Amino acid sequence: MRAVIAPDPGGPEALVVADLPDPVPGRGEVVIAVTATAVNRADTLQRQGFYPPPPGASDVLGLECSGTIAAVGPEVSTWSIGDPVCALLSGGGYAERVLVPAGQVMPVPDGVDLVTAGALPEVACTVWSNVFMIAGLQRDETLLVHGGAGGIGTFTIQLAHALGARVVTTAGSPEKLEVCRSLGADVTVNYREQDFVEEVRATTDGRGADVVLDNMGAKYLPRNLDALATEGRLVVIGMQGGSKGELDLGVLMRKRGAVIATSLRARPAEEKTAICSSAVEHVWPLVADGSVKTLVHTSLPLEQVAEAHRIMEASDHIGKIVLTA
């Protein structure tokens, strides 16, 4: 099979389309013939040598995919050869075939084409698990999400809006802010020109955000704390702004707040299975009825993977970047 690896750390040119053996399913596993996958920020970090796959995971890049079941291992009764599916992966999505634990395989939501479905699992499971399962965002609470025009941001805005939360989001251009508003953001903040802490306080009468979903890490840590409401929850899912910051415990204690840092990829298979099951139960119906959509910025063939990474790192895209096998 064709598959994308990064034998040596480097820029997008370090990505190589190689010929690797087809995977064979073991107990509780299936093989998916991949139709599409999507580029995630974690893939660019893996390519640079900063985010290696978990022990036992494939060295092939790619944290999600869509396609059809090509082979079924022993003790798998939930899937049959030919079923159209999408899946959350620990790696291996940038390939023609990928091996997946059966519990991380999900049906394609009604009304979603198979290519678009390749950009759904990682974002849906990340947003649902962090914003709702962990942070417990409730109807009428205020959510601040950074990077509102990216894959995570666009999905978060729609899902939180659909479930009755008030959404404040940051982005870096008028075009991106307009997209965020069209998806249901109540307040948009141009982080290049405005202070998101002041804007959050203004729109909540000084109360602050109940939940903050942050992909920046250290750079935004003190200001995210300032933006939190009493009993607010800050969930850090990325470190684009660095990994080491100063945390004022006095501020956190006065607010009785919580800071939670999570990584979906490193979770045990049984936890991923539970997240996938919960996402299918709670998120898939909203995708099927059109309340929540996966925005695709562009779709490229697997051979153009380097260009896909360049687009991701330029940060000019809106939504997801898809690769077709």
C-alpha atoms as a PDB file:
ATOM      1  CA  MET A   1       0.000   0.000   0.000  1.00  0.00           C
ATOM      2  CA  ARG A   2       1.006   3.650  -0.427  1.00  0.00           C
ATOM      3  CA  ALA A   3       1.569   5.405   2.883  1.00  0.00           C
ATOM      4  CA  VAL A   4       3.135   8.669   4.083  1.00  0.00           C
ATOM      5  CA  ILE A   5       5.998   8.609   6.550  1.00  0.00           C
ATOM      6  CA  ALA A   6       8.607  11.106   7.758  1.00  0.00           C
ATOM      7  CA  PRO A   7      11.874   9.109   7.948  1.00  0.00           C
ATOM      8  CA  ASP A   8      13.776  12.172   9.145  1.00  0.00           C
ATOM      9  CA  PRO A   9      12.423  15.238  10.947  1.00  0.00           C
ATOM     10  CA  GLY A  10      12.048  18.340   8.826  1.00  0.00           C
ATOM     11  CA  GLY A  11       9.770  20.572   6.827  1.00  0.00           C
ATOM     12  CA  PRO A  12       6.962  19.438   4.516  1.00  0.00           C
ATOM     13  CA  GLU A  13       9.569  18.171   2.062  1.00  0.00           C
ATOM     14  CA  ALA A  14      10.531  15.509   4.653  1.00  0.00           C
ATOM     15  CA  LEU A  15       7.274  13.648   3.936  1.00  0.00           C
ATOM     16  CA  VAL A  16       7.715  10.549   1.796  1.00  0.00           C
ATOM     17  CA  VAL A  17       5.065   8.445   0.055  1.00  0.00           C
ATOM     18  CA  ALA A  18       6.391   4.915   0.600  1.00  0.00           C
ATOM     19  CA  ASP A  19       5.281   1.407  -0.341  1.00  0.00           C
ATOM     20  CA  LEU A  20       4.519  -0.514   2.883  1.00  0.00           C
ATOM     21  CA  PRO A  21       3.003  -3.950   3.587  1.00  0.00           C
ATOM     22  CA  ASP A  22      -0.765  -4.116   3.891  1.00  0.00           C
ATOM     23  CA  PRO A  23      -1.884  -4.402   7.545  1.00  0.00           C
ATOM     24  CA  VAL A  24      -3.505  -7.612   8.800  1.00  0.00           C
ATOM     25  CA  PRO A  25      -6.187  -7.417  11.523  1.00  0.00           C
ATOM     26  CA  GLY A  26      -5.694  -9.152  14.843  1.00  0.00           C
ATOM     27  CA  ARG A  27      -8.218  -9.883  17.572  1.00  0.00           C
ATOM     28  CA  GLY A  28     -10.697  -7.020  17.920  1.00  0.00           C
ATOM     29  CA  GLU A  29      -9.296  -5.120  14.936  1.00  0.00           C
ATOM     30  CA  VAL A  30     -10.419  -4.200  11.433  1.00  0.00           C
ATOM     31  CA  VAL A  31      -8.648  -2.934   8.328  1.00  0.00           C
ATOM     32  CA  ILE A  32     -10.163   0.048   6.539  1.00  0.00           C
ATOM     33  CA  ALA A  33      -9.580   0.743   2.847  1.00  0.00           C
ATOM     34  CA  VAL A  34      -9.048   4.483   3.157  1.00  0.00           C
ATOM     35  CA  THR A  35     -11.042   6.943   1.070  1.00  0.00           C
ATOM     36  CA  ALA A  36      -9.889  10.095   2.837  1.00  0.00           C
ATOM     37  CA  THR A  37      -7.986  11.403   5.824  1.00  0.00           C
ATOM     38  CA  ALA A  38      -7.320  14.926   7.122  1.00  0.00           C
ATOM     39  CA  VAL A  39      -4.341  16.968   8.223  1.00  0.00           C
ATOM     40  CA  ASN A  40      -4.187  17.900  11.904  1.00  0.00           C
ATOM     41  CA  ARG A  41      -1.734  20.173  13.713  1.00  0.00           C
ATOM     42  CA  ALA A  42      -0.378  17.097  15.503  1.00  0.00           C
ATOM     43  CA  ASP A  43       0.694  15.658  12.134  1.00  0.00           C
ATOM     44  CA  THR A  44       2.952  18.645  11.477  1.00  0.00           C
ATOM     45  CA  LEU A  45       4.520  18.216  14.915  1.00  0.00           C
ATOM     46  CA  GLN A  46       5.110  14.509  14.273  1.00  0.00           C
ATOM     47  CA  ARG A  47       6.764  15.359  10.970  1.00  0.00           C
ATOM     48  CA  GLN A  48       9.116  17.716  12.805  1.00  0.00           C
ATOM     49  CA  GLY A  49      10.028  15.039  15.342  1.00  0.00           C
ATOM     50  CA  PHE A  50       8.202  16.663  18.280  1.00  0.00           C
ATOM     51  CA  TYR A  51       5.186  14.349  18.625  1.00  0.00           C
ATOM     52  CA  PRO A  52       6.057  10.667  18.164  1.00  0.00           C
ATOM     53  CA  PRO A  53       3.250   8.098  17.950  1.00  0.00           C
ATOM     54  CA  PRO A  54       2.297   6.242  21.138  1.00  0.00           C
ATOM     55  CA  PRO A  55       3.987   2.859  21.761  1.00  0.00           C
ATOM     56  CA  GLY A  56       2.670   0.275  19.328  1.00  0.00           C
ATOM     57  CA  ALA A  57       1.062   2.822  16.988  1.00  0.00           C
ATOM     58  CA  SER A  58       1.914   3.117  13.300  1.00  0.00           C
ATOM     59  CA  ASP A  59       4.714   5.456  12.182  1.00  0.00           C
ATOM     60  CA  VAL A  60       2.471   6.460   9.277  1.00  0.00           C
ATOM     61  CA  LEU A  61       0.949   9.892   9.876  1.00  0.00           C
ATOM     62  CA  GLY A  62      -2.768  10.509  10.182  1.00  0.00           C
ATOM     63  CA  LEU A  63      -5.168  10.577  13.147  1.00  0.00           C
ATOM     64  CA  GLU A  64      -8.470   9.969  11.350  1.00  0.00           C
ATOM     65  CA  CYS A  65      -9.906   8.470   8.198  1.00  0.00           C
ATOM     66  CA  SER A  66     -12.957   7.378   6.280  1.00  0.00           C
ATOM     67  CA  GLY A  67     -13.408   4.438   3.949  1.00  0.00           C
ATOM     68  CA  THR A  68     -14.856   0.941   3.821  1.00  0.00           C
ATOM     69  CA  ILE A  69     -14.136  -2.135   5.912  1.00  0.00           C
ATOM     70  CA  ALA A  70     -11.637  -4.286   3.975  1.00  0.00           C
ATOM     71  CA  ALA A  71     -10.894  -7.030   6.547  1.00  0.00           C
ATOM     72  CA  VAL A  72     -12.232  -8.084   9.937  1.00  0.00           C
ATOM     73  CA  GLY A  73     -10.232  -9.760  12.700  1.00  0.00           C
ATOM     74  CA  PRO A  74     -11.370 -12.391  15.217  1.00  0.00           C
ATOM     75  CA  GLU A  75     -13.985 -11.373  17.806  1.00  0.00           C
ATOM     76  CA  VAL A  76     -15.322  -8.475  15.722  1.00  0.00           C
ATOM     77  CA  SER A  77     -19.070  -8.674  15.259  1.00  0.00           C
ATOM     78  CA  THR A  78     -19.990  -5.000  14.844  1.00  0.00           C
ATOM     79  CA  TRP A  79     -18.556  -4.486  11.346  1.00  0.00           C
ATOM     80  CA  SER A  80     -18.635  -6.356   8.054  1.00  0.00           C
ATOM     81  CA  ILE A  81     -16.558  -6.126   4.892  1.00  0.00           C
ATOM     82  CA  GLY A  82     -17.838  -3.286   2.705  1.00  0.00           C
ATOM     83  CA  ASP A  83     -19.358  -1.172   5.501  1.00  0.00           C
ATOM     84  CA  PRO A  84     -18.779   2.578   4.976  1.00  0.00           C
ATOM     85  CA  VAL A  85     -17.133   3.946   8.114  1.00  0.00           C
ATOM     86  CA  CYS A  86     -14.924   6.621   9.642  1.00  0.00           C
ATOM     87  CA  ALA A  87     -12.434   6.108  12.451  1.00  0.00           C
ATOM     88  CA  LEU A  88     -10.358   7.764  15.158  1.00  0.00           C
ATOM     89  CA  LEU A  89      -6.729   6.640  14.872  1.00  0.00           C
ATOM     90  CA  SER A  90      -3.502   6.700  16.873  1.00  0.00           C
ATOM     91  CA  GLY A  91      -1.717   6.906  13.515  1.00  0.00           C
ATOM     92  CA  GLY A  92      -1.788   5.409  10.040  1.00  0.00           C
ATOM     93  CA  GLY A  93      -4.437   7.484   8.279  1.00  0.00           C
ATOM     94  CA  TYR A  94      -2.189   8.798   5.490  1.00  0.00           C
ATOM     95  CA  ALA A  95      -2.331   5.469   3.682  1.00  0.00           C
ATOM     96  CA  GLU A  96      -4.426   3.294   1.402  1.00  0.00           C
ATOM     97  CA  ARG A  97      -5.188   0.921   4.273  1.00  0.00           C
ATOM     98  CA  VAL A  98      -5.137   1.302   8.043  1.00  0.00           C
ATOM     99  CA  LEU A  99      -5.468  -1.027  11.026  1.00  0.00           C
ATOM    100  CA  VAL A 100      -7.940   0.136  13.698  1.00  0.00           C
ATOM    101  CA  PRO A 101      -9.386  -1.243  16.965  1.00  0.00           C
ATOM    102  CA  ALA A 102     -13.025  -1.962  16.192  1.00  0.00           C
ATOM    103  CA  GLY A 103     -14.221   0.291  19.030  1.00  0.00           C
ATOM    104  CA  GLN A 104     -12.706   3.350  17.360  1.00  0.00           C
ATOM    105  CA  VAL A 105     -14.655   2.772  14.140  1.00  0.00           C
ATOM    106  CA  MET A 106     -17.855   4.760  13.675  1.00  0.00           C
ATOM    107  CA  PRO A 107     -20.647   4.823  11.098  1.00  0.00           C
ATOM    108  CA  VAL A 108     -20.695   7.675   8.604  1.00  0.00           C
ATOM    109  CA  PRO A 109     -23.455  10.096   9.674  1.00  0.00           C
ATOM    110  CA  ASP A 110     -26.472  10.270   7.390  1.00  0.00           C
ATOM    111  CA  GLY A 111     -26.039  12.868   4.663  1.00  0.00           C
ATOM    112  CA  VAL A 112     -22.235  13.072   4.902  1.00  0.00           C
ATOM    113  CA  ASP A 113     -20.227  11.949   1.879  1.00  0.00           C
ATOM    114  CA  LEU A 114     -17.333   9.559   2.414  1.00  0.00           C
ATOM    115  CA  VAL A 115     -14.606  12.106   1.586  1.00  0.00           C
ATOM    116  CA  THR A 116     -15.937  14.710   4.020  1.00  0.00           C
ATOM    117  CA  ALA A 117     -16.302  12.004   6.668  1.00  0.00           C
ATOM    118  CA  GLY A 118     -12.521  11.625   6.621  1.00  0.00           C
ATOM    119  CA  ALA A 119     -12.261  15.014   8.332  1.00  0.00           C
ATOM    120  CA  LEU A 120     -14.854  14.280  11.029  1.00  0.00           C
ATOM    121  CA  PRO A 121     -13.567  11.793  13.674  1.00  0.00           C
ATOM    122  CA  GLU A 122     -10.632  13.693  15.210  1.00  0.00           C
ATOM    123  CA  VAL A 123     -12.401  17.023  15.462  1.00  0.00           C
ATOM    124  CA  ALA A 124     -15.705  15.573  16.676  1.00  0.00           C
ATOM    125  CA  CYS A 125     -14.095  13.376  19.323  1.00  0.00           C
ATOM    126  CA  THR A 126     -11.707  16.127  20.450  1.00  0.00           C
ATOM    127  CA  VAL A 127     -14.445  18.716  20.849  1.00  0.00           C
ATOM    128  CA  TRP A 128     -17.039  16.433  22.391  1.00  0.00           C
ATOM    129  CA  SER A 129     -14.634  14.833  24.882  1.00  0.00           C
ATOM    130  CA  ASN A 130     -12.965  18.057  25.996  1.00  0.00           C
ATOM    131  CA  VAL A 131     -15.711  20.670  25.937  1.00  0.00           C
ATOM    132  CA  PHE A 132     -18.614  18.493  27.024  1.00  0.00           C
ATOM    133  CA  MET A 133     -17.416  15.243  28.643  1.00  0.00           C
ATOM    134  CA  ILE A 134     -14.518  16.818  30.585  1.00  0.00           C
ATOM    135  CA  ALA A 135     -15.353  20.527  30.960  1.00  0.00           C
ATOM    136  CA  GLY A 136     -19.091  19.899  31.165  1.00  0.00           C
ATOM    137  CA  LEU A 137     -20.250  22.928  29.162  1.00  0.00           C
ATOM    138  CA  GLN A 138     -23.948  23.516  29.831  1.00  0.00           C
ATOM    139  CA  ARG A 139     -26.756  25.338  28.062  1.00  0.00           C
ATOM    140  CA  ASP A 140     -26.588  29.120  28.643  1.00  0.00           C
ATOM    141  CA  GLU A 141     -22.957  28.982  29.794  1.00  0.00           C
ATOM    142  CA  THR A 142     -20.276  31.008  27.972  1.00  0.00           C
ATOM    143  CA  LEU A 143     -17.535  29.274  25.987  1.00  0.00           C
ATOM    144  CA  LEU A 144     -14.375  30.981  24.764  1.00  0.00           C
ATOM    145  CA  VAL A 145     -12.694  29.058  21.937  1.00  0.00           C
ATOM    146  CA  HIS A 146      -9.413  30.188  20.434  1.00  0.00           C
ATOM    147  CA  GLY A 147      -8.656  29.721  16.733  1.00  0.00           C
ATOM    148  CA  GLY A 148     -12.289  29.755  15.726  1.00  0.00           C
ATOM    149  CA  ALA A 149     -11.653  29.392  11.976  1.00  0.00           C
ATOM    150  CA  GLY A 150      -9.617  26.177  12.172  1.00  0.00           C
ATOM    151  CA  GLY A 151     -10.914  22.632  12.088  1.00  0.00           C
ATOM    152  CA  ILE A 152     -11.394  22.417  15.857  1.00  0.00           C
ATOM    153  CA  GLY A 153     -12.726  25.957  16.140  1.00  0.00           C
ATOM    154  CA  THR A 154     -15.335  25.769  13.399  1.00  0.00           C
ATOM    155  CA  PHE A 155     -16.697  22.513  14.804  1.00  0.00           C
ATOM    156  CA  THR A 156     -16.670  23.780  18.402  1.00  0.00           C
ATOM    157  CA  ILE A 157     -18.609  26.922  17.523  1.00  0.00           C
ATOM    158  CA  GLN A 158     -21.339  24.957  15.768  1.00  0.00           C
ATOM    159  CA  LEU A 159     -21.658  22.249  18.404  1.00  0.00           C
ATOM    160  CA  ALA A 160     -21.729  24.647  21.363  1.00  0.00           C
ATOM    161  CA  HIS A 161     -24.233  26.880  19.568  1.00  0.00           C
ATOM    162  CA  ALA A 162     -26.454  23.912  18.700  1.00  0.00           C
ATOM    163  CA  LEU A 163     -26.482  22.832  22.347  1.00  0.00           C
ATOM    164  CA  GLY A 164     -27.444  26.249  23.641  1.00  0.00           C
ATOM    165  CA  ALA A 165     -24.183  27.783  24.870  1.00  0.00           C
ATOM    166  CA  ARG A 166     -23.020  31.366  24.254  1.00  0.00           C
ATOM    167  CA  VAL A 167     -19.867  31.331  22.093  1.00  0.00           C
ATOM    168  CA  VAL A 168     -17.005  33.824  22.050  1.00  0.00           C
ATOM    169  CA  THR A 169     -14.199  33.081  19.617  1.00  0.00           C
ATOM    170  CA  THR A 170     -10.888  34.533  18.466  1.00  0.00           C
ATOM    171  CA  ALA A 171      -9.516  34.667  14.935  1.00  0.00           C
ATOM    172  CA  GLY A 172      -6.961  36.725  13.050  1.00  0.00           C
ATOM    173  CA  SER A 173      -8.747  38.273  10.043  1.00  0.00           C
ATOM    174  CA  PRO A 174     -12.099  39.850   9.120  1.00  0.00           C
ATOM    175  CA  GLU A 175     -12.797  36.963   6.735  1.00  0.00           C
ATOM    176  CA  LYS A 176     -12.266  34.375   9.460  1.00  0.00           C
ATOM    177  CA  LEU A 177     -14.352  36.352  11.949  1.00  0.00           C
ATOM    178  CA  GLU A 178     -17.219  36.501   9.450  1.00  0.00           C
ATOM    179  CA  VAL A 179     -17.091  32.715   8.999  1.00  0.00           C
ATOM    180  CA  CYS A 180     -17.180  32.289  12.783  1.00  0.00           C
ATOM    181  CA  ARG A 181     -20.262  34.495  13.023  1.00  0.00           C
ATOM    182  CA  SER A 182     -21.966  32.542  10.241  1.00  0.00           C
ATOM    183  CA  LEU A 183     -21.401  29.322  12.212  1.00  0.00           C
ATOM    184  CA  GLY A 184     -23.082  30.662  15.343  1.00  0.00           C
ATOM    185  CA  ALA A 185     -20.455  32.616  17.283  1.00  0.00           C
ATOM    186  CA  ASP A 186     -22.152  35.293  19.375  1.00  0.00           C
ATOM    187  CA  VAL A 187     -19.015  37.404  19.832  1.00  0.00           C
ATOM    188  CA  THR A 188     -15.907  37.426  17.620  1.00  0.00           C
ATOM    189  CA  VAL A 189     -12.550  38.870  18.635  1.00  0.00           C
ATOM    190  CA  ASN A 190      -9.705  39.801  16.295  1.00  0.00           C
ATOM    191  CA  TYR A 191      -6.759  38.762  18.452  1.00  0.00           C
ATOM    192  CA  ARG A 192      -4.434  40.987  16.428  1.00  0.00           C
ATOM    193  CA  GLU A 193      -6.390  44.117  17.347  1.00  0.00           C
ATOM    194  CA  GLN A 194      -8.482  43.341  20.432  1.00  0.00           C
ATOM    195  CA  ASP A 195      -7.917  41.989  23.956  1.00  0.00           C
ATOM    196  CA  PHE A 196      -9.964  38.820  24.295  1.00  0.00           C
ATOM    197  CA  VAL A 197     -10.031  39.133  28.105  1.00  0.00           C
ATOM    198  CA  GLU A 198     -11.683  42.550  27.886  1.00  0.00           C
ATOM    199  CA  GLU A 199     -14.129  41.354  25.230  1.00  0.00           C
ATOM    200  CA  VAL A 200     -15.150  38.311  27.290  1.00  0.00           C
ATOM    201  CA  ARG A 201     -15.708  40.462  30.362  1.00  0.00           C
ATOM    202  CA  ALA A 202     -17.696  43.003  28.353  1.00  0.00           C
ATOM    203  CA  THR A 203     -20.048  40.435  26.893  1.00  0.00           C
ATOM    204  CA  THR A 204     -20.589  38.638  30.235  1.00  0.00           C
ATOM    205  CA  ASP A 205     -21.027  41.746  32.430  1.00  0.00           C
ATOM    206  CA  GLY A 206     -17.661  41.055  34.008  1.00  0.00           C
ATOM    207  CA  ARG A 207     -18.400  37.444  34.893  1.00  0.00           C
ATOM    208  CA  GLY A 208     -16.040  35.714  32.460  1.00  0.00           C
ATOM    209  CA  ALA A 209     -16.148  32.475  30.446  1.00  0.00           C
ATOM    210  CA  ASP A 210     -17.378  29.274  32.041  1.00  0.00           C
ATOM    211  CA  VAL A 211     -15.215  27.172  29.708  1.00  0.00           C
ATOM    212  CA  VAL A 212     -12.130  28.110  27.679  1.00  0.00           C
ATOM    213  CA  LEU A 213     -10.871  25.767  24.950  1.00  0.00           C
ATOM    214  CA  ASP A 214      -7.248  26.689  24.235  1.00  0.00           C
ATOM    215  CA  ASN A 215      -4.792  25.521  21.591  1.00  0.00           C
ATOM    216  CA  MET A 216      -2.036  28.019  22.435  1.00  0.00           C
ATOM    217  CA  GLY A 217      -0.763  26.750  25.777  1.00  0.00           C
ATOM    218  CA  ALA A 218       1.846  28.837  27.611  1.00  0.00           C
ATOM    219  CA  LYS A 219       1.396  32.053  25.621  1.00  0.00           C
ATOM    220  CA  TYR A 220      -2.242  32.441  26.644  1.00  0.00           C
ATOM    221  CA  LEU A 221      -2.159  30.804  30.094  1.00  0.00           C
ATOM    222  CA  PRO A 222      -2.257  33.930  32.349  1.00  0.00           C
ATOM    223  CA  ARG A 223      -4.818  35.705  30.168  1.00  0.00           C
ATOM    224  CA  ASN A 224      -7.021  32.617  29.924  1.00  0.00           C
ATOM    225  CA  LEU A 225      -7.119  32.543  33.732  1.00  0.00           C
ATOM    226  CA  ASP A 226      -8.103  36.217  33.746  1.00  0.00           C
ATOM    227  CA  ALA A 227     -10.906  35.419  31.285  1.00  0.00           C
ATOM    228  CA  LEU A 228     -12.309  32.572  33.408  1.00  0.00           C
ATOM    229  CA  ALA A 229     -15.508  32.960  35.398  1.00  0.00           C
ATOM    230  CA  THR A 230     -15.817  31.733  38.974  1.00  0.00           C
ATOM    231  CA  GLU A 231     -15.748  27.925  38.826  1.00  0.00           C
ATOM    232  CA  GLY A 232     -14.588  28.183  35.227  1.00  0.00           C
ATOM    233  CA  ARG A 233     -12.760  25.383  33.420  1.00  0.00           C
ATOM    234  CA  LEU A 234      -9.748  25.965  31.170  1.00  0.00           C
ATOM    235  CA  VAL A 235      -9.013  23.047  28.841  1.00  0.00           C
ATOM    236  CA  VAL A 236      -5.650  23.128  27.068  1.00  0.00           C
ATOM    237  CA  ILE A 237      -5.436  20.911  23.973  1.00  0.00           C
ATOM    238  CA  GLY A 238      -2.461  22.437  22.158  1.00  0.00           C
ATOM    239  CA  MET A 239       0.871  24.137  22.699  1.00  0.00           C
ATOM    240  CA  GLN A 240       1.279  26.337  19.634  1.00  0.00           C
ATOM    241  CA  GLY A 241       2.351  29.138  21.990  1.00  0.00           C
ATOM    242  CA  GLY A 242       4.791  27.073  24.029  1.00  0.00           C
ATOM    243  CA  SER A 243       4.703  24.437  26.749  1.00  0.00           C
ATOM    244  CA  LYS A 244       6.041  26.297  29.813  1.00  0.00           C
ATOM    245  CA  GLY A 245       4.133  29.162  31.393  1.00  0.00           C
ATOM    246  CA  GLU A 246       3.563  30.759  34.784  1.00  0.00           C
ATOM    247  CA  LEU A 247       0.348  29.873  36.596  1.00  0.00           C
ATOM    248  CA  ASP A 248      -0.912  32.208  39.327  1.00  0.00           C
ATOM    249  CA  LEU A 249      -2.453  29.812  41.823  1.00  0.00           C
ATOM    250  CA  GLY A 250      -3.913  32.726  43.752  1.00  0.00           C
ATOM    251  CA  VAL A 251      -6.056  33.708  40.780  1.00  0.00           C
ATOM    252  CA  LEU A 252      -7.055  30.093  40.223  1.00  0.00           C
ATOM    253  CA  MET A 253      -8.006  29.573  43.871  1.00  0.00           C
ATOM    254  CA  ARG A 254     -10.007  32.794  44.097  1.00  0.00           C
ATOM    255  CA  LYS A 255     -11.996  31.693  41.094  1.00  0.00           C
ATOM    256  CA  ARG A 256     -12.220  28.077  42.280  1.00  0.00           C
ATOM    257  CA  GLY A 257     -11.183  27.291  38.733  1.00  0.00           C
ATOM    258  CA  ALA A 258      -9.730  24.250  37.031  1.00  0.00           C
ATOM    259  CA  VAL A 259      -6.946  23.920  34.469  1.00  0.00           C
ATOM    260  CA  ILE A 260      -7.081  20.672  32.494  1.00  0.00           C
ATOM    261  CA  ALA A 261      -4.567  19.588  29.866  1.00  0.00           C
ATOM    262  CA  THR A 262      -5.494  16.654  27.665  1.00  0.00           C
ATOM    263  CA  SER A 263      -4.295  14.633  24.684  1.00  0.00           C
ATOM    264  CA  LEU A 264      -6.695  12.396  22.800  1.00  0.00           C
ATOM    265  CA  ARG A 265      -4.052  10.414  20.928  1.00  0.00           C
ATOM    266  CA  ALA A 266      -2.343   9.015  24.036  1.00  0.00           C
ATOM    267  CA  ARG A 267      -5.520   7.753  25.699  1.00  0.00           C
ATOM    268  CA  PRO A 268      -5.951   3.977  26.144  1.00  0.00           C
ATOM    269  CA  ALA A 269      -8.064   2.211  23.529  1.00  0.00           C
ATOM    270  CA  GLU A 270     -10.930   1.637  25.952  1.00  0.00           C
ATOM    271  CA  GLU A 271     -11.177   5.377  26.661  1.00  0.00           C
ATOM    272  CA  LYS A 272     -11.161   6.164  22.951  1.00  0.00           C
ATOM    273  CA  THR A 273     -13.892   3.578  22.443  1.00  0.00           C
ATOM    274  CA  ALA A 274     -16.028   5.306  25.089  1.00  0.00           C
ATOM    275  CA  ILE A 275     -15.427   8.714  23.497  1.00  0.00           C
ATOM    276  CA  CYS A 276     -16.306   7.420  20.017  1.00  0.00           C
ATOM    277  CA  SER A 277     -19.480   5.812  21.329  1.00  0.00           C
ATOM    278  CA  SER A 278     -20.523   9.000  23.118  1.00  0.00           C
ATOM    279  CA  ALA A 279     -19.795  11.131  20.041  1.00  0.00           C
ATOM    280  CA  VAL A 280     -21.932   8.869  17.855  1.00  0.00           C
ATOM    281  CA  GLU A 281     -24.772   9.091  20.390  1.00  0.00           C
ATOM    282  CA  HIS A 282     -24.695  12.837  20.985  1.00  0.00           C
ATOM    283  CA  VAL A 283     -22.937  14.498  18.029  1.00  0.00           C
ATOM    284  CA  TRP A 284     -23.839  12.352  15.014  1.00  0.00           C
ATOM    285  CA  PRO A 285     -27.570  13.289  15.121  1.00  0.00           C
ATOM    286  CA  LEU A 286     -26.612  16.985  14.950  1.00  0.00           C
ATOM    287  CA  VAL A 287     -24.327  16.276  11.994  1.00  0.00           C
ATOM    288  CA  ALA A 288     -27.050  14.256  10.276  1.00  0.00           C
ATOM    289  CA  ASP A 289     -29.660  17.014  10.603  1.00  0.00           C
ATOM    290  CA  GLY A 290     -27.250  19.687   9.379  1.00  0.00           C
ATOM    291  CA  SER A 291     -26.903  21.576  12.676  1.00  0.00           C
ATOM    292  CA  VAL A 292     -23.164  20.839  12.685  1.00  0.00           C
ATOM    293  CA  LYS A 293     -21.026  20.491   9.568  1.00  0.00           C
ATOM    294  CA  THR A 294     -17.413  19.660   8.838  1.00  0.00           C
ATOM    295  CA  LEU A 295     -15.960  22.548   6.858  1.00  0.00           C
ATOM    296  CA  VAL A 296     -13.426  21.429   4.237  1.00  0.00           C
ATOM    297  CA  HIS A 297     -10.970  24.109   3.077  1.00  0.00           C
ATOM    298  CA  THR A 298      -9.448  21.989   0.316  1.00  0.00           C
ATOM    299  CA  SER A 299      -9.034  18.373  -0.779  1.00  0.00           C
ATOM    300  CA  LEU A 300      -5.752  17.093  -2.229  1.00  0.00           C
ATOM    301  CA  PRO A 301      -4.514  13.666  -3.364  1.00  0.00           C
ATOM    302  CA  LEU A 302      -2.145  11.802  -1.046  1.00  0.00           C
ATOM    303  CA  GLU A 303       0.810  12.571  -3.314  1.00  0.00           C
ATOM    304  CA  GLN A 304       0.370  16.289  -2.531  1.00  0.00           C
ATOM    305  CA  VAL A 305       0.734  15.757   1.228  1.00  0.00           C
ATOM    306  CA  ALA A 306       3.645  18.222   1.448  1.00  0.00           C
ATOM    307  CA  GLU A 307       1.456  20.984   0.005  1.00  0.00           C
ATOM    308  CA  ALA A 308      -1.287  20.069   2.491  1.00  0.00           C
ATOM    309  CA  HIS A 309       1.170  20.550   5.356  1.00  0.00           C
ATOM    310  CA  ARG A 310       2.302  23.889   3.931  1.00  0.00           C
ATOM    311  CA  ILE A 311      -1.308  25.074   3.873  1.00  0.00           C
ATOM    312  CA  MET A 312      -1.782  23.950   7.481  1.00  0.00           C
ATOM    313  CA  GLU A 313       1.346  25.745   8.682  1.00  0.00           C
ATOM    314  CA  ALA A 314       0.502  28.968   6.821  1.00  0.00           C
ATOM    315  CA  SER A 315      -2.666  29.146   8.988  1.00  0.00           C
ATOM    316  CA  ASP A 316      -4.658  30.876   6.250  1.00  0.00           C
ATOM    317  CA  HIS A 317      -7.142  28.022   5.880  1.00  0.00           C
ATOM    318  CA  ILE A 318     -10.696  27.850   7.185  1.00  0.00           C
ATOM    319  CA  GLY A 319     -11.843  24.409   8.317  1.00  0.00           C
ATOM    320  CA  LYS A 320     -10.132  21.124   7.502  1.00  0.00           C
ATOM    321  CA  ILE A 321      -7.549  20.056   4.913  1.00  0.00           C
ATOM    322  CA  VAL A 322      -8.423  16.682   3.382  1.00  0.00           C
ATOM    323  CA  LEU A 323      -6.196  14.096   1.679  1.00  0.00           C
ATOM    324  CA  THR A 324      -7.734  11.462  -0.599  1.00  0.00           C
ATOM    325  CA  ALA A 325      -6.078   8.059  -0.922  1.00  0.00           C
END
